[in-house]
Amino acid sequence: MWLEITGKCQLECAHCYAESGPAGTHGVMTTTDWRRVVDQAAGMGVGMVQFIGGEPTLHPDLAALVDHALVLGLRVEVFTNLTHVTPALWEVFARPGVRLATSYYSDAAAEHERVTVRRGSHARTRANIVEAVRRSVPLRVGVIDFGDGQRVDAAISELAALGAIEVGVDHLRRVGRGVREVRTSASQLCGRCGDGVLAVAPDGTVWPCVFSRWLPLGNVREDPVAEIATGEAAERTRTTLAGVFVARHPQPPEAPCVPRMCNPQCGPSCGPACNPSCWPTGAGPCAPKGGCVPNYRR
């Protein structure tokens, strides 16, 4: 379950799905509201929560929320831009059961900062990647390829040299500020939105995932997450999306395929690390065409 605890961010990334930035807010969800959602997630059997934003480290109660999730036995991932991490938060991130995720765009500072729209952001993120590796904090990094001659391979090589083991690559998603010539639609989704995953917004809105923001399923300030997950709107949306995804990847009857499960490790940065794909359910000639789990380059 993605918990988008704030719309505030130091950066204004050109492709941000949430259109977050310095003018963003923490929304109307209180820390008590978020604790209740985490309680409900644990009660539903959710295995992982990902605190995301905006920039989750800007939320004053991130540490308390991480602690609450860990006490309930949930695994935690914090998706952060890593431009500023306090000593206290490093202690939180070093706790067993916690991992980090971040985005990186180029080994060249100027190219990285054209994306983030903040001078100095490349050096700060790079330094904190090094610090996470030094502290042995589990970390995965998503490199978003804009398809414009960006130094993606050089970024991957640099990350490997820094000691980052899990590095995934994804393309630009046409959601939020990422909309270019292609309009936001289900074509930008991985293929399993709402199936075992949900996202909660700073105003309490529930979506099938953080990228399907035009498909509200309910609001956690009005109804429990479990009721929303099994409600009429959720079932209707899943049926609609399933039809879109099946049409996207028609398969011969002798090689039935289904999209692979997507989870918070799939990696929403300001663009996910999971691609629309079809994976085989058994023997047959059906070959994967990408994958919901990033193809980490080691």
Protein backbone atom coordinates (compact mmCIF):
# COMPACT_ATOMS: atom_id res chain seq x y z
CA MET A 1 0.00 0.00 0.00
CA TRP A 2 1.36 3.40 -1.04
CA LEU A 3 0.78 6.09 1.59
CA GLU A 4 1.23 9.49 -0.04
CA ILE A 5 1.62 11.42 3.18
CA THR A 6 2.41 14.81 1.68
CA GLY A 7 2.27 16.82 -1.52
CA LYS A 8 5.16 19.00 -0.39
CA CYS A 9 8.61 18.59 -1.96
CA GLN A 10 11.82 20.60 -2.23
CA LEU A 11 12.01 19.73 -5.91
CA GLU A 12 9.72 20.41 -8.87
CA CYS A 13 10.60 17.48 -11.11
CA ALA A 14 9.45 18.03 -14.66
CA HIS A 15 7.74 14.64 -14.80
CA CYS A 16 6.31 14.36 -11.26
CA TYR A 17 3.15 12.23 -11.33
CA ALA A 18 1.86 13.97 -8.19
CA GLU A 19 2.72 17.49 -9.39
CA SER A 20 4.29 18.10 -5.98
CA GLY A 21 6.62 20.96 -5.05
CA PRO A 22 7.45 23.59 -2.42
CA ALA A 23 3.89 24.95 -2.55
CA GLY A 24 2.41 21.54 -1.74
CA THR A 25 0.88 20.68 1.63
CA HIS A 26 0.49 17.68 3.91
CA GLY A 27 -3.21 17.65 3.04
CA VAL A 28 -6.09 17.09 5.44
CA MET A 29 -4.98 13.65 6.65
CA THR A 30 -3.75 13.90 10.23
CA THR A 31 -1.15 11.62 11.79
CA THR A 32 -4.02 9.93 13.63
CA ASP A 33 -5.70 9.31 10.28
CA TRP A 34 -2.52 7.79 8.86
CA ARG A 35 -2.02 5.58 11.91
CA ARG A 36 -5.57 4.31 11.47
CA VAL A 37 -4.87 3.50 7.81
CA VAL A 38 -1.71 1.62 8.78
CA ASP A 39 -3.71 -0.31 11.39
CA GLN A 40 -6.28 -1.22 8.76
CA ALA A 41 -3.57 -2.19 6.28
CA ALA A 42 -2.06 -4.59 8.79
CA GLY A 43 -5.51 -5.99 9.53
CA MET A 44 -6.04 -6.66 5.82
CA GLY A 45 -2.82 -8.65 5.58
CA VAL A 46 -0.84 -5.99 3.71
CA GLY A 47 2.84 -6.93 3.76
CA MET A 48 4.46 -3.60 2.94
CA VAL A 49 3.65 0.08 3.15
CA GLN A 50 5.56 2.65 1.20
CA PHE A 51 5.69 6.20 2.50
CA ILE A 52 5.85 8.49 -0.48
CA GLY A 53 4.91 12.04 -1.48
CA GLY A 54 5.77 14.63 -2.41
CA GLU A 55 8.81 14.19 -0.23
CA PRO A 56 7.91 12.07 2.82
CA THR A 57 10.92 13.23 4.85
CA LEU A 58 9.25 16.67 5.01
CA HIS A 59 6.35 15.23 7.00
CA PRO A 60 6.99 15.95 10.70
CA ASP A 61 5.66 12.56 11.83
CA LEU A 62 7.33 10.27 9.29
CA ALA A 63 9.49 8.64 11.97
CA ALA A 64 6.47 7.95 14.18
CA LEU A 65 4.53 6.47 11.27
CA VAL A 66 7.44 4.23 10.26
CA ASP A 67 7.73 3.05 13.87
CA HIS A 68 4.00 2.35 14.03
CA ALA A 69 4.13 0.25 10.86
CA LEU A 70 7.13 -1.73 12.11
CA VAL A 71 5.45 -2.47 15.45
CA LEU A 72 2.53 -3.96 13.51
CA GLY A 73 4.90 -6.24 11.61
CA LEU A 74 4.76 -4.41 8.29
CA ARG A 75 7.77 -3.94 6.08
CA VAL A 76 8.43 -0.30 5.21
CA GLU A 77 9.88 1.49 2.24
CA VAL A 78 10.44 5.24 2.18
CA PHE A 79 10.58 6.73 -1.30
CA THR A 80 12.64 9.89 -0.91
CA ASN A 81 14.53 12.23 -3.18
CA LEU A 82 17.45 11.98 -0.71
CA THR A 83 18.25 15.67 -0.95
CA HIS A 84 18.13 16.11 2.83
CA VAL A 85 18.18 13.43 5.52
CA THR A 86 18.57 14.40 9.17
CA PRO A 87 20.72 12.33 11.57
CA ALA A 88 17.51 11.27 13.35
CA LEU A 89 15.99 9.97 10.12
CA TRP A 90 19.15 8.03 9.28
CA GLU A 91 18.62 6.18 12.56
CA VAL A 92 15.04 5.41 11.50
CA PHE A 93 16.13 4.22 8.06
CA ALA A 94 18.71 1.90 9.59
CA ARG A 95 16.06 -0.04 11.51
CA PRO A 96 15.42 -3.67 10.46
CA GLY A 97 12.45 -3.88 8.12
CA VAL A 98 13.04 -0.45 6.56
CA ARG A 99 14.39 0.22 3.10
CA LEU A 100 14.82 3.29 0.91
CA ALA A 101 14.07 4.07 -2.70
CA THR A 102 15.09 7.11 -4.72
CA SER A 103 15.29 8.48 -8.25
CA TYR A 104 18.38 9.42 -10.22
CA TYR A 105 18.49 10.91 -13.68
CA SER A 106 22.09 11.35 -14.83
CA ASP A 107 25.72 11.27 -13.76
CA ALA A 108 25.91 14.85 -15.05
CA ALA A 109 24.70 17.36 -12.46
CA ALA A 110 23.30 19.80 -15.02
CA GLU A 111 21.22 17.09 -16.71
CA HIS A 112 19.92 15.73 -13.39
CA GLU A 113 19.02 19.23 -12.24
CA ARG A 114 17.16 20.06 -15.44
CA VAL A 115 14.74 17.38 -14.24
CA THR A 116 14.58 18.37 -10.57
CA VAL A 117 14.61 22.12 -11.28
CA ARG A 118 16.89 22.65 -8.25
CA ARG A 119 20.57 23.51 -8.36
CA GLY A 120 22.63 21.40 -6.01
CA SER A 121 20.10 18.54 -5.90
CA HIS A 122 22.40 16.16 -7.79
CA ALA A 123 25.26 16.50 -5.31
CA ARG A 124 22.97 16.09 -2.31
CA THR A 125 21.17 13.02 -3.66
CA ARG A 126 24.45 11.46 -4.76
CA ALA A 127 26.03 12.06 -1.33
CA ASN A 128 23.07 10.49 0.45
CA ILE A 129 23.14 7.46 -1.85
CA VAL A 130 26.75 7.03 -0.73
CA GLU A 131 25.68 7.46 2.91
CA ALA A 132 22.90 4.87 2.58
CA VAL A 133 25.40 2.39 1.14
CA ARG A 134 27.89 3.21 3.92
CA ARG A 135 25.24 2.56 6.55
CA SER A 136 24.11 -0.66 4.79
CA VAL A 137 20.56 0.67 4.47
CA PRO A 138 18.77 -1.33 1.76
CA LEU A 139 18.36 0.99 -1.20
CA ARG A 140 17.00 0.76 -4.70
CA VAL A 141 17.40 3.46 -7.30
CA GLY A 142 15.15 4.15 -10.28
CA VAL A 143 16.60 5.85 -13.34
CA ILE A 144 13.87 7.43 -15.45
CA ASP A 145 14.68 7.54 -19.16
CA PHE A 146 13.11 10.53 -20.90
CA GLY A 147 14.14 9.21 -24.30
CA ASP A 148 15.97 12.39 -25.29
CA GLY A 149 19.59 11.31 -25.34
CA GLN A 150 19.86 11.42 -21.55
CA ARG A 151 22.96 9.79 -19.99
CA VAL A 152 21.07 6.79 -18.64
CA ASP A 153 23.85 4.23 -19.08
CA ALA A 154 26.36 6.59 -17.50
CA ALA A 155 24.02 7.08 -14.54
CA ILE A 156 23.72 3.31 -14.11
CA SER A 157 27.50 2.90 -14.22
CA GLU A 158 27.98 5.67 -11.68
CA LEU A 159 25.43 4.15 -9.32
CA ALA A 160 27.17 0.78 -9.53
CA ALA A 161 30.48 2.45 -8.74
CA LEU A 162 28.88 4.08 -5.71
CA GLY A 163 27.79 0.67 -4.43
CA ALA A 164 24.09 0.82 -5.32
CA ILE A 165 23.13 -2.78 -6.11
CA GLU A 166 19.46 -2.45 -7.06
CA VAL A 167 19.14 -0.14 -10.04
CA GLY A 168 16.06 -0.20 -12.26
CA VAL A 169 15.26 1.75 -15.42
CA ASP A 170 11.88 2.99 -16.56
CA HIS A 171 10.51 5.32 -19.20
CA LEU A 172 8.63 8.56 -18.70
CA ARG A 173 5.04 8.10 -17.53
CA ARG A 174 2.41 10.47 -18.91
CA VAL A 175 0.84 11.28 -15.56
CA GLY A 176 0.78 14.62 -13.72
CA ARG A 177 3.60 16.83 -14.98
CA GLY A 178 4.77 13.88 -17.05
CA VAL A 179 1.97 14.46 -19.57
CA ARG A 180 3.47 15.32 -22.94
CA GLU A 181 1.92 14.47 -26.30
CA VAL A 182 0.20 11.37 -24.86
CA ARG A 183 -2.85 11.95 -22.66
CA THR A 184 -3.05 10.26 -19.27
CA SER A 185 -4.80 6.91 -19.62
CA ALA A 186 -4.58 3.26 -18.61
CA SER A 187 -1.81 2.90 -21.21
CA GLN A 188 0.51 4.37 -18.56
CA LEU A 189 -0.31 1.69 -15.98
CA CYS A 190 1.57 -1.54 -15.28
CA GLY A 191 -1.31 -3.95 -15.66
CA ARG A 192 -2.29 -4.90 -12.12
CA CYS A 193 -3.40 -1.65 -10.51
CA GLY A 194 -5.78 -2.29 -7.63
CA ASP A 195 -5.03 -6.01 -7.58
CA GLY A 196 -3.35 -6.49 -4.23
CA VAL A 197 -2.24 -2.85 -4.13
CA LEU A 198 -3.85 0.45 -3.23
CA ALA A 199 -2.71 4.04 -2.78
CA VAL A 200 -3.95 6.64 -0.30
CA ALA A 201 -3.63 10.37 -1.00
CA PRO A 202 -3.00 13.29 1.40
CA ASP A 203 -6.74 14.05 1.29
CA GLY A 204 -7.68 10.43 2.03
CA THR A 205 -8.66 9.51 -1.54
CA VAL A 206 -7.94 5.89 -2.44
CA TRP A 207 -6.68 4.99 -5.93
CA PRO A 208 -5.80 1.64 -7.52
CA CYS A 209 -2.21 2.94 -7.53
CA VAL A 210 -0.45 6.30 -7.33
CA PHE A 211 -0.51 6.64 -11.12
CA SER A 212 -4.24 6.04 -11.61
CA ARG A 213 -5.23 9.29 -9.96
CA TRP A 214 -8.26 9.78 -12.20
CA LEU A 215 -9.86 6.62 -10.74
CA PRO A 216 -10.94 7.37 -7.15
CA LEU A 217 -12.33 4.38 -5.26
CA GLY A 218 -13.37 6.09 -2.04
CA ASN A 219 -11.93 8.01 0.88
CA VAL A 220 -10.42 6.61 4.08
CA ARG A 221 -11.79 9.54 6.08
CA GLU A 222 -15.26 8.22 5.32
CA ASP A 223 -14.88 4.43 5.06
CA PRO A 224 -12.37 1.76 6.19
CA VAL A 225 -9.80 0.71 3.63
CA ALA A 226 -11.10 -2.87 3.56
CA GLU A 227 -14.59 -1.68 2.62
CA ILE A 228 -13.18 0.54 -0.12
CA ALA A 229 -11.02 -2.29 -1.45
CA THR A 230 -14.04 -4.57 -1.83
CA GLY A 231 -16.58 -1.90 -2.67
CA GLU A 232 -18.59 -1.38 -5.83
CA ALA A 233 -16.32 1.35 -7.21
CA ALA A 234 -13.22 -0.81 -6.71
CA GLU A 235 -14.78 -3.87 -8.34
CA ARG A 236 -16.06 -1.81 -11.26
CA THR A 237 -12.66 -0.19 -11.75
CA ARG A 238 -10.81 -3.50 -11.59
CA THR A 239 -13.14 -4.99 -14.18
CA THR A 240 -12.65 -2.03 -16.49
CA LEU A 241 -8.87 -2.07 -16.12
CA ALA A 242 -8.71 -5.84 -16.58
CA GLY A 243 -10.46 -5.44 -19.92
CA VAL A 244 -7.96 -2.79 -20.99
CA PHE A 245 -4.96 -4.87 -19.91
CA VAL A 246 -6.16 -8.07 -21.57
CA ALA A 247 -6.76 -6.19 -24.82
CA ARG A 248 -3.26 -4.78 -24.55
CA HIS A 249 -1.64 -8.23 -24.54
CA PRO A 250 -3.85 -10.80 -26.31
CA GLN A 251 -2.42 -14.29 -25.93
CA PRO A 252 -3.05 -17.58 -27.75
CA PRO A 253 -5.09 -20.08 -25.71
CA GLU A 254 -2.20 -22.55 -25.59
CA ALA A 255 -0.03 -19.99 -23.76
CA PRO A 256 -2.24 -18.15 -21.28
CA CYS A 257 -0.62 -15.17 -19.65
CA VAL A 258 -1.42 -12.75 -16.90
CA PRO A 259 0.32 -9.53 -15.88
CA ARG A 260 2.71 -10.12 -13.03
CA MET A 261 1.78 -8.80 -9.61
CA CYS A 262 2.81 -5.25 -8.84
CA ASN A 263 3.69 -4.09 -5.33
CA PRO A 264 5.22 -1.04 -3.67
CA GLN A 265 8.69 -2.35 -4.49
CA CYS A 266 7.62 -1.77 -8.08
CA GLY A 267 8.84 1.67 -7.36
CA PRO A 268 6.86 4.75 -7.99
CA SER A 269 9.35 7.51 -8.18
CA CYS A 270 8.01 10.29 -10.27
CA GLY A 271 7.51 7.42 -12.72
CA PRO A 272 7.22 3.75 -11.78
CA ALA A 273 9.80 1.08 -12.34
CA CYS A 274 7.18 -1.40 -13.51
CA ASN A 275 6.33 -1.70 -17.16
CA PRO A 276 3.10 -2.94 -18.76
CA SER A 277 3.85 -6.56 -19.42
CA CYS A 278 2.59 -10.11 -19.77
CA TRP A 279 4.10 -12.97 -17.83
CA PRO A 280 3.52 -16.70 -18.38
CA THR A 281 1.41 -18.62 -15.91
CA GLY A 282 2.75 -21.96 -17.02
CA ALA A 283 4.55 -23.72 -19.82
CA GLY A 284 4.33 -22.28 -23.29
CA PRO A 285 5.95 -19.87 -25.71
CA CYS A 286 4.74 -16.72 -23.97
CA ALA A 287 7.76 -14.57 -23.12
CA PRO A 288 7.85 -11.62 -20.72
CA LYS A 289 7.78 -8.20 -22.34
CA GLY A 290 9.21 -6.21 -19.47
CA GLY A 291 8.16 -6.77 -15.91
CA CYS A 292 6.43 -5.36 -12.90
CA VAL A 293 9.53 -6.03 -10.86
CA PRO A 294 12.40 -3.85 -12.12
CA ASN A 295 15.12 -5.51 -14.16
CA TYR A 296 17.83 -4.57 -11.69
CA ARG A 297 21.24 -4.12 -13.22
CA ARG A 298 23.91 -5.34 -10.84
